Amino acid sequence: MSTPVELVRVMRSGFHEGSHYGAVVVTDTDGSVLHARGAVDAPVFPRSSNKPFQAVAMLQAGAQLDGADLAISAASHSGEPMHTSRVQAMLDRVSLGEGDLGCPEALPLNEAARNEVIAAGGAPRRIYMNCSGKHAGMLAACVEHGWDVATYLQTDHPLQLSVRDQVARLSDEVPSAVGIDGCGAPLFAISLLGLARAFGRVNAAARDTAEHAVSQAMREYPEMVGGTGREDTRLMRAHSGLLVKGGAEGVHCAALADGRTVAVKITDGGDRARMPVLVAGLRMLGLESDLLDELGTGVVLGGGHQVGTAELAPGVF
């Protein structure tokens, strides 16, 4: 087993309070390694960074998705009205309802939307769940192809077998494990390097391919991919051609238009550790902006005021 690599150092009042460990890889246009720290060859579950590959499988199955509908099919949305209304419209077009979604019930991620639901006496619903757009897209693919919609989340369902095939094709790896994601959909383990390679290929794909359609939709409708104030949405708005998709348990990917990619896995799943590493990788690839300055260092609070930082550890880049 490889020695864990410190990626992010947490400083409080000048004191080194803790560290986050993990792996990061930066790949070139051809998928070769430009920079790596940590066990980039070890298998990981891509979590929601997997969603562009799942959306490719939906299109390959014949799903009639484009524009904002396609973007939200590859999203971890915030459950704002702009998201839930679009998911409902997608279900309506294939004569299905919220009850057909296989994802669990949840409240919106967006604080304002969540407070509005609670104030109105509402309760968790499947359509509020951040993966409901992906599930609506999967159902649309099943309807279009004539596949059973009641079993679409089973690992041996034709749609999920197609997802597995797309993950293998794009990553150049045979998935080493199968798991179930937080939303209930099957998830296929590949290395962090394979994830970076696949993510870059989606963003640099030729026109008239499913991969290009997915990346273009996500870049054109970043508010559907995340939501108000979300990092992925803000990064794609700030940097033309950039494709960004984060996932649970400390996974995050970002690819330039030419396919160069940064992929991050934080071992303990710490959310605050992702951005300092991702931003450092993007800077290595030549990106600069005020937003990267903002996101590149996390804020540690004490008494409601900043008293420290979550910052890139020495020697990562």
Protein backbone atom coordinates (compact mmCIF):
# COMPACT_ATOMS: atom_id res chain seq x y z
CA MET A 1 0.00 0.00 0.00
CA SER A 2 1.36 3.42 -0.98
CA THR A 3 2.17 6.01 1.66
CA PRO A 4 -0.61 8.62 2.04
CA VAL A 5 0.30 12.01 0.56
CA GLU A 6 -0.59 15.23 2.34
CA LEU A 7 -2.50 17.49 -0.05
CA VAL A 8 -4.07 20.18 2.15
CA ARG A 9 -2.91 21.66 5.43
CA VAL A 10 -5.37 23.21 7.87
CA MET A 11 -3.98 26.15 9.83
CA ARG A 12 -5.82 27.70 12.78
CA SER A 13 -4.41 30.80 14.46
CA GLY A 14 -0.99 29.95 13.06
CA PHE A 15 -1.17 26.39 14.40
CA HIS A 16 -1.06 23.34 12.10
CA GLU A 17 -4.33 21.77 13.25
CA GLY A 18 -4.72 18.97 10.73
CA SER A 19 -4.17 17.68 7.21
CA HIS A 20 -6.13 16.08 4.39
CA TYR A 21 -4.49 13.32 2.38
CA GLY A 22 -5.25 11.90 -1.03
CA ALA A 23 -4.20 11.92 -4.67
CA VAL A 24 -4.16 14.31 -7.60
CA VAL A 25 -3.28 13.76 -11.24
CA VAL A 26 -2.96 16.18 -14.14
CA THR A 27 -3.20 14.65 -17.61
CA ASP A 28 -2.22 15.95 -21.04
CA THR A 29 -4.33 16.09 -24.19
CA ASP A 30 -3.49 12.46 -24.97
CA GLY A 31 -4.23 11.24 -21.45
CA SER A 32 -0.58 10.92 -20.43
CA VAL A 33 0.49 12.07 -16.98
CA LEU A 34 1.82 15.61 -16.62
CA HIS A 35 1.89 15.57 -12.82
CA ALA A 36 0.84 13.12 -10.11
CA ARG A 37 0.92 12.92 -6.35
CA GLY A 38 -0.45 10.03 -4.36
CA ALA A 39 -1.92 6.71 -5.47
CA VAL A 40 -3.37 7.81 -8.82
CA ASP A 41 -3.44 4.19 -10.04
CA ALA A 42 -5.58 2.99 -7.13
CA PRO A 43 -9.29 2.42 -7.84
CA VAL A 44 -11.81 5.01 -6.69
CA PHE A 45 -15.53 5.42 -7.05
CA PRO A 46 -15.92 8.55 -9.23
CA ARG A 47 -19.20 9.42 -7.52
CA SER A 48 -20.91 12.34 -9.28
CA SER A 49 -17.86 13.09 -11.42
CA ASN A 50 -19.14 9.99 -13.23
CA LYS A 51 -22.29 11.77 -14.42
CA PRO A 52 -20.99 12.94 -17.82
CA PHE A 53 -20.26 9.29 -18.68
CA GLN A 54 -23.74 8.25 -17.57
CA ALA A 55 -25.22 11.00 -19.76
CA VAL A 56 -23.20 9.71 -22.73
CA ALA A 57 -24.80 6.29 -22.18
CA MET A 58 -28.26 7.91 -22.10
CA LEU A 59 -27.66 9.49 -25.50
CA GLN A 60 -26.21 6.28 -26.90
CA ALA A 61 -29.43 4.58 -25.81
CA GLY A 62 -31.44 7.09 -27.83
CA ALA A 63 -32.62 9.51 -25.15
CA GLN A 64 -33.96 12.70 -26.73
CA LEU A 65 -32.00 15.08 -24.53
CA ASP A 66 -30.27 18.32 -25.43
CA GLY A 67 -29.50 21.76 -24.05
CA ALA A 68 -30.49 22.34 -20.45
CA ASP A 69 -32.24 18.97 -20.25
CA LEU A 70 -28.99 17.20 -21.11
CA ALA A 71 -27.04 19.40 -18.69
CA ILE A 72 -29.30 18.54 -15.77
CA SER A 73 -29.04 14.87 -16.71
CA ALA A 74 -25.34 15.17 -15.81
CA ALA A 75 -25.93 17.37 -12.78
CA SER A 76 -25.83 17.50 -9.02
CA HIS A 77 -28.36 20.31 -8.94
CA SER A 78 -29.38 22.40 -5.94
CA GLY A 79 -33.11 21.70 -6.03
CA GLU A 80 -34.02 25.27 -6.95
CA PRO A 81 -37.28 25.88 -8.83
CA MET A 82 -35.37 26.16 -12.12
CA HIS A 83 -34.13 22.62 -11.53
CA THR A 84 -37.28 20.93 -10.27
CA SER A 85 -39.46 22.43 -12.99
CA ARG A 86 -37.10 21.15 -15.67
CA VAL A 87 -36.94 17.65 -14.19
CA GLN A 88 -40.74 17.57 -13.98
CA ALA A 89 -41.02 18.65 -17.63
CA MET A 90 -38.59 15.89 -18.65
CA LEU A 91 -40.74 13.32 -16.87
CA ASP A 92 -43.93 14.73 -18.38
CA ARG A 93 -42.54 14.35 -21.91
CA VAL A 94 -42.07 10.61 -21.44
CA SER A 95 -45.40 10.18 -19.59
CA LEU A 96 -43.78 9.36 -16.26
CA GLY A 97 -44.02 10.97 -12.83
CA GLU A 98 -41.97 11.77 -9.78
CA GLY A 99 -42.86 8.38 -8.32
CA ASP A 100 -40.93 6.70 -11.12
CA LEU A 101 -37.68 8.30 -9.98
CA GLY A 102 -35.51 5.80 -8.15
CA CYS A 103 -33.51 8.36 -6.18
CA PRO A 104 -34.28 8.93 -2.48
CA GLU A 105 -36.30 11.80 -1.11
CA ALA A 106 -34.41 14.90 0.02
CA LEU A 107 -34.76 18.60 0.68
CA PRO A 108 -33.13 21.06 -1.75
CA LEU A 109 -29.40 21.67 -1.33
CA ASN A 110 -29.90 25.39 -1.93
CA GLU A 111 -30.57 27.10 1.38
CA ALA A 112 -33.16 29.56 0.08
CA ALA A 113 -35.05 26.85 -1.80
CA ARG A 114 -34.90 24.54 1.23
CA ASN A 115 -36.19 27.27 3.56
CA GLU A 116 -39.02 28.03 1.16
CA VAL A 117 -40.09 24.40 1.10
CA ILE A 118 -40.00 24.15 4.90
CA ALA A 119 -41.83 27.47 5.37
CA ALA A 120 -44.59 26.23 3.08
CA GLY A 121 -44.96 23.05 5.14
CA GLY A 122 -43.28 20.93 2.50
CA ALA A 123 -41.33 17.74 3.01
CA PRO A 124 -38.47 15.92 1.30
CA ARG A 125 -39.29 14.79 -2.24
CA ARG A 126 -37.48 12.78 -4.88
CA ILE A 127 -37.53 15.66 -7.35
CA TYR A 128 -35.60 17.86 -4.89
CA MET A 129 -32.78 15.31 -4.66
CA ASN A 130 -29.64 16.56 -6.41
CA CYS A 131 -29.50 13.54 -8.75
CA SER A 132 -33.14 13.70 -9.90
CA GLY A 133 -32.10 15.13 -13.28
CA LYS A 134 -29.82 12.17 -13.90
CA HIS A 135 -32.58 9.76 -12.97
CA ALA A 136 -35.06 11.55 -15.24
CA GLY A 137 -32.53 11.28 -18.08
CA MET A 138 -32.06 7.57 -17.39
CA LEU A 139 -35.81 7.04 -17.46
CA ALA A 140 -36.07 8.96 -20.73
CA ALA A 141 -33.43 6.68 -22.24
CA CYS A 142 -35.32 3.60 -21.09
CA VAL A 143 -38.60 4.82 -22.55
CA GLU A 144 -36.95 5.68 -25.86
CA HIS A 145 -35.23 2.28 -26.10
CA GLY A 146 -38.17 0.27 -24.80
CA TRP A 147 -36.35 -0.90 -21.67
CA ASP A 148 -38.10 -1.61 -18.38
CA VAL A 149 -38.34 1.56 -16.28
CA ALA A 150 -39.13 -0.21 -13.01
CA THR A 151 -35.74 -1.93 -12.87
CA TYR A 152 -33.53 0.76 -14.41
CA LEU A 153 -31.23 0.92 -11.36
CA GLN A 154 -30.36 -2.76 -11.29
CA THR A 155 -26.72 -3.43 -12.13
CA ASP A 156 -27.68 -5.86 -14.90
CA HIS A 157 -30.19 -3.51 -16.55
CA PRO A 158 -29.23 -2.78 -20.18
CA LEU A 159 -28.81 0.92 -19.46
CA GLN A 160 -26.42 0.29 -16.57
CA LEU A 161 -24.46 -2.21 -18.64
CA SER A 162 -24.15 0.51 -21.26
CA VAL A 163 -22.88 2.94 -18.60
CA ARG A 164 -20.26 0.38 -17.59
CA ASP A 165 -19.21 0.03 -21.24
CA GLN A 166 -18.87 3.80 -21.67
CA VAL A 167 -16.81 4.12 -18.48
CA ALA A 168 -14.49 1.34 -19.68
CA ARG A 169 -14.18 2.79 -23.18
CA LEU A 170 -13.47 6.34 -22.07
CA SER A 171 -11.08 5.43 -19.25
CA ASP A 172 -9.26 2.57 -21.04
CA GLU A 173 -9.87 0.49 -17.92
CA VAL A 174 -12.05 -2.43 -16.94
CA PRO A 175 -13.95 -1.32 -13.81
CA SER A 176 -12.56 -3.14 -10.80
CA ALA A 177 -15.63 -2.95 -8.57
CA VAL A 178 -19.33 -2.16 -8.69
CA GLY A 179 -21.05 -0.16 -5.96
CA ILE A 180 -24.25 1.76 -5.38
CA ASP A 181 -24.06 5.54 -5.33
CA GLY A 182 -25.88 7.72 -2.81
CA CYS A 183 -28.72 8.20 -5.29
CA GLY A 184 -29.16 4.44 -5.83
CA ALA A 185 -27.53 4.18 -9.25
CA PRO A 186 -24.74 1.67 -9.97
CA LEU A 187 -21.21 3.03 -9.77
CA PHE A 188 -18.08 1.60 -11.36
CA ALA A 189 -14.61 1.90 -9.82
CA ILE A 190 -11.67 3.02 -11.96
CA SER A 191 -8.34 4.63 -11.09
CA LEU A 192 -8.04 8.37 -10.58
CA LEU A 193 -5.86 8.41 -13.70
CA GLY A 194 -8.56 6.58 -15.66
CA LEU A 195 -11.13 9.07 -14.39
CA ALA A 196 -9.01 12.00 -15.54
CA ARG A 197 -8.45 10.39 -18.92
CA ALA A 198 -12.17 9.76 -19.41
CA PHE A 199 -13.20 13.23 -18.24
CA GLY A 200 -10.75 14.91 -20.60
CA ARG A 201 -11.94 12.83 -23.53
CA VAL A 202 -15.53 13.92 -22.94
CA ASN A 203 -14.60 17.60 -22.99
CA ALA A 204 -12.33 17.39 -26.03
CA ALA A 205 -14.56 15.08 -28.08
CA ALA A 206 -15.24 15.78 -31.74
CA ARG A 207 -18.50 17.33 -32.86
CA ASP A 208 -21.35 14.98 -33.71
CA THR A 209 -20.45 12.68 -30.83
CA ALA A 210 -22.45 12.00 -27.68
CA GLU A 211 -19.48 13.13 -25.60
CA HIS A 212 -19.39 16.53 -27.31
CA ALA A 213 -23.13 16.96 -26.85
CA VAL A 214 -22.82 16.29 -23.11
CA SER A 215 -19.85 18.57 -22.49
CA GLN A 216 -21.31 21.36 -24.61
CA ALA A 217 -24.62 21.23 -22.74
CA MET A 218 -22.91 21.31 -19.36
CA ARG A 219 -20.74 24.27 -20.36
CA GLU A 220 -23.65 26.20 -21.91
CA TYR A 221 -25.99 25.62 -18.96
CA PRO A 222 -23.71 25.56 -15.90
CA GLU A 223 -26.58 26.69 -13.67
CA MET A 224 -28.23 23.33 -14.36
CA VAL A 225 -25.08 21.38 -13.44
CA GLY A 226 -24.88 22.95 -9.99
CA GLY A 227 -26.90 26.02 -9.08
CA THR A 228 -26.75 29.43 -7.47
CA GLY A 229 -23.34 30.01 -5.87
CA ARG A 230 -22.09 26.47 -6.56
CA GLU A 231 -18.39 26.06 -7.36
CA ASP A 232 -18.85 24.02 -10.55
CA THR A 233 -21.31 26.56 -11.94
CA ARG A 234 -19.10 29.53 -11.11
CA LEU A 235 -15.94 27.94 -12.54
CA MET A 236 -17.59 27.07 -15.85
CA ARG A 237 -19.02 30.57 -16.14
CA ALA A 238 -15.65 32.15 -15.40
CA HIS A 239 -13.57 30.02 -17.78
CA SER A 240 -14.78 29.41 -21.31
CA GLY A 241 -14.41 25.80 -22.41
CA LEU A 242 -13.84 24.48 -18.88
CA LEU A 243 -15.83 21.40 -17.83
CA VAL A 244 -16.10 20.84 -14.06
CA LYS A 245 -17.93 18.19 -12.07
CA GLY A 246 -17.47 17.36 -8.43
CA GLY A 247 -18.61 14.33 -6.51
CA ALA A 248 -19.04 13.08 -2.98
CA GLU A 249 -16.19 11.76 -0.84
CA GLY A 250 -13.69 14.33 -2.06
CA VAL A 251 -13.75 13.65 -5.81
CA HIS A 252 -13.48 16.49 -8.31
CA CYS A 253 -12.56 16.79 -12.00
CA ALA A 254 -11.94 19.75 -14.29
CA ALA A 255 -10.98 19.58 -17.97
CA LEU A 256 -9.85 22.27 -20.39
CA ALA A 257 -11.26 22.43 -23.90
CA ASP A 258 -8.21 20.62 -25.28
CA GLY A 259 -8.72 17.70 -22.90
CA ARG A 260 -6.04 18.47 -20.31
CA THR A 261 -7.55 17.47 -16.99
CA VAL A 262 -7.13 17.69 -13.23
CA ALA A 263 -8.64 14.92 -11.09
CA VAL A 264 -8.64 14.96 -7.29
CA LYS A 265 -9.52 12.40 -4.61
CA ILE A 266 -9.42 13.37 -0.94
CA THR A 267 -9.06 10.18 1.08
CA ASP A 268 -11.20 11.25 4.04
CA GLY A 269 -13.84 12.77 1.77
CA GLY A 270 -13.27 16.22 3.26
CA ASP A 271 -15.19 18.72 1.16
CA ARG A 272 -13.04 21.72 2.11
CA ALA A 273 -9.90 20.04 0.76
CA ARG A 274 -11.02 19.62 -2.85
CA MET A 275 -10.81 23.19 -4.13
CA PRO A 276 -7.26 24.11 -3.05
CA VAL A 277 -5.95 21.07 -4.92
CA LEU A 278 -8.18 21.44 -7.98
CA VAL A 279 -7.32 25.14 -8.30
CA ALA A 280 -3.60 24.42 -8.02
CA GLY A 281 -3.91 21.90 -10.84
CA LEU A 282 -5.76 24.36 -13.04
CA ARG A 283 -3.10 26.97 -12.37
CA MET A 284 -0.46 24.47 -13.42
CA LEU A 285 -2.33 24.28 -16.73
CA GLY A 286 -2.20 28.06 -17.11
CA LEU A 287 -5.59 29.21 -15.85
CA GLU A 288 -5.79 32.35 -13.72
CA SER A 289 -8.73 34.40 -12.49
CA ASP A 290 -10.06 36.25 -9.47
CA LEU A 291 -12.35 33.28 -8.86
CA LEU A 292 -9.39 30.91 -8.63
CA ASP A 293 -7.81 33.31 -6.14
CA GLU A 294 -11.01 33.10 -4.09
CA LEU A 295 -11.47 29.35 -4.25
CA GLY A 296 -7.81 28.36 -3.96
CA THR A 297 -7.65 28.80 -0.18
CA GLY A 298 -10.34 27.64 2.23
CA VAL A 299 -11.42 29.72 5.18
CA VAL A 300 -11.15 28.46 8.77
CA LEU A 301 -13.51 30.28 11.12
CA GLY A 302 -13.30 31.08 14.81
CA GLY A 303 -16.05 33.06 16.50
CA GLY A 304 -17.55 33.79 13.11
CA HIS A 305 -14.35 35.36 11.79
CA GLN A 306 -11.52 33.97 9.69
CA VAL A 307 -8.72 32.73 11.90
CA GLY A 308 -6.96 30.40 9.50
CA THR A 309 -6.89 28.63 6.17
CA ALA A 310 -7.21 25.29 4.44
CA GLU A 311 -4.34 25.59 1.98
CA LEU A 312 -2.32 23.50 -0.44
CA ALA A 313 0.35 21.55 1.43
CA PRO A 314 3.99 22.17 0.50
CA GLY A 315 5.34 20.05 -2.34
CA VAL A 316 2.04 19.02 -3.93
CA PHE A 317 2.84 20.99 -7.09
